[in-house]
Amino acid sequence: GLEGAAQRRARFLSAGMRKRLALARAHLLARPVTLVDEPFANLDDAGRALVQELLLELRGQGCSLLIAAHEPALAQAVAPRTLRLAGGLLHEEARA
């Protein structure tokens, strides 16, 4: 998903391309915990599917992900555990 972007500065990339670049960097850094803020915002369906795939790959490599998202269904697709912040309190979401 980053073909053709190698010669461009990150600030000139689209929001979706910047997200892909950030996730690719997370793959390369291989940190035990990665914070991902709004990974699905401003993406089309194909972009969201790609981000989900990349997050699942990170998780498969043993990385713990802390995802902040306004799209709970998308986050739940990659997260084994989901917490919701409401009224200043964290509540664990039941899994279907």
Protein backbone atom coordinates (compact mmCIF):
# COMPACT_ATOMS: atom_id res chain seq x y z
CA GLY A 1 0.00 0.00 0.00
CA LEU A 2 2.99 2.41 0.01
CA GLU A 3 4.12 1.97 -3.59
CA GLY A 4 5.03 5.23 -5.23
CA ALA A 5 5.32 7.11 -1.93
CA ALA A 6 9.02 6.51 -1.28
CA GLN A 7 10.12 9.77 -2.91
CA ARG A 8 7.51 11.97 -1.21
CA ARG A 9 7.74 13.63 2.19
CA ALA A 10 5.26 12.27 4.75
CA ARG A 11 3.53 15.64 5.14
CA PHE A 12 2.49 15.47 1.47
CA LEU A 13 0.92 12.02 1.78
CA SER A 14 -2.81 11.46 2.21
CA ALA A 15 -4.15 10.62 5.67
CA GLY A 16 -4.50 6.99 4.64
CA MET A 17 -0.94 6.80 3.35
CA ARG A 18 0.39 8.39 6.55
CA LYS A 19 -1.47 5.76 8.59
CA ARG A 20 0.00 2.96 6.46
CA LEU A 21 3.46 4.49 6.88
CA ALA A 22 3.03 4.68 10.66
CA LEU A 23 1.91 1.05 10.84
CA ALA A 24 4.81 -0.04 8.62
CA ARG A 25 7.15 1.79 11.00
CA ALA A 26 5.54 0.01 13.95
CA HIS A 27 6.28 -3.30 12.21
CA LEU A 28 9.93 -2.35 11.77
CA LEU A 29 10.39 -1.09 15.33
CA ALA A 30 8.83 -4.25 16.81
CA ARG A 31 7.93 -2.71 20.17
CA PRO A 32 6.13 -4.89 22.74
CA VAL A 33 3.30 -2.32 23.06
CA THR A 34 2.04 0.01 20.33
CA LEU A 35 -0.44 2.85 20.86
CA VAL A 36 -2.65 3.36 17.80
CA ASP A 37 -4.79 6.51 17.84
CA GLU A 38 -7.83 6.58 15.53
CA PRO A 39 -6.43 4.13 12.97
CA PHE A 40 -9.70 3.94 10.98
CA ALA A 41 -10.55 7.66 10.80
CA ASN A 42 -10.72 9.27 7.33
CA LEU A 43 -10.27 5.97 5.49
CA ASP A 44 -12.42 4.32 2.86
CA ASP A 45 -13.48 0.67 3.20
CA ALA A 46 -10.35 -0.61 1.45
CA GLY A 47 -8.13 1.51 3.71
CA ARG A 48 -9.91 0.28 6.83
CA ALA A 49 -9.51 -3.33 5.71
CA LEU A 50 -5.79 -2.77 5.11
CA VAL A 51 -5.34 -1.16 8.54
CA GLN A 52 -7.17 -4.08 10.17
CA GLU A 53 -4.88 -6.50 8.35
CA LEU A 54 -1.76 -4.60 9.45
CA LEU A 55 -2.97 -4.46 13.07
CA LEU A 56 -3.66 -8.20 13.03
CA GLU A 57 -0.13 -8.80 11.70
CA LEU A 58 1.32 -6.71 14.54
CA ARG A 59 -0.74 -8.64 17.06
CA GLY A 60 0.36 -11.91 15.46
CA GLN A 61 3.97 -10.87 16.03
CA GLY A 62 3.26 -10.66 19.76
CA CYS A 63 2.73 -6.90 19.93
CA SER A 64 0.15 -5.65 22.40
CA LEU A 65 -2.02 -2.95 20.84
CA LEU A 66 -3.73 -0.12 22.66
CA ILE A 67 -6.25 1.22 20.13
CA ALA A 68 -8.20 4.44 20.64
CA ALA A 69 -11.08 4.44 18.15
CA HIS A 70 -14.53 5.88 17.61
CA GLU A 71 -15.42 2.80 15.53
CA PRO A 72 -15.74 0.07 18.18
CA ALA A 73 -16.78 -2.64 15.72
CA LEU A 74 -13.61 -2.12 13.68
CA ALA A 75 -11.40 -2.14 16.77
CA GLN A 76 -13.12 -5.25 18.13
CA ALA A 77 -12.26 -7.08 14.91
CA VAL A 78 -8.57 -6.94 15.88
CA ALA A 79 -8.78 -6.76 19.68
CA PRO A 80 -9.34 -9.77 21.92
CA ARG A 81 -10.44 -7.42 24.71
CA THR A 82 -12.33 -4.14 24.45
CA LEU A 83 -12.70 -1.38 27.04
CA ARG A 84 -15.00 1.62 26.68
CA LEU A 85 -14.30 4.94 28.39
CA ALA A 86 -17.59 6.50 29.53
CA GLY A 87 -18.06 9.14 32.18
CA GLY A 88 -14.40 8.94 33.14
CA LEU A 89 -14.63 5.20 33.90
CA LEU A 90 -13.38 2.19 31.94
CA HIS A 91 -15.95 -0.52 31.26
CA GLU A 92 -15.08 -3.89 29.72
CA GLU A 93 -17.23 -4.67 26.69
CA ALA A 94 -18.87 -8.08 26.52
CA ARG A 95 -17.87 -10.16 23.51
CA ALA A 96 -20.55 -11.58 21.23
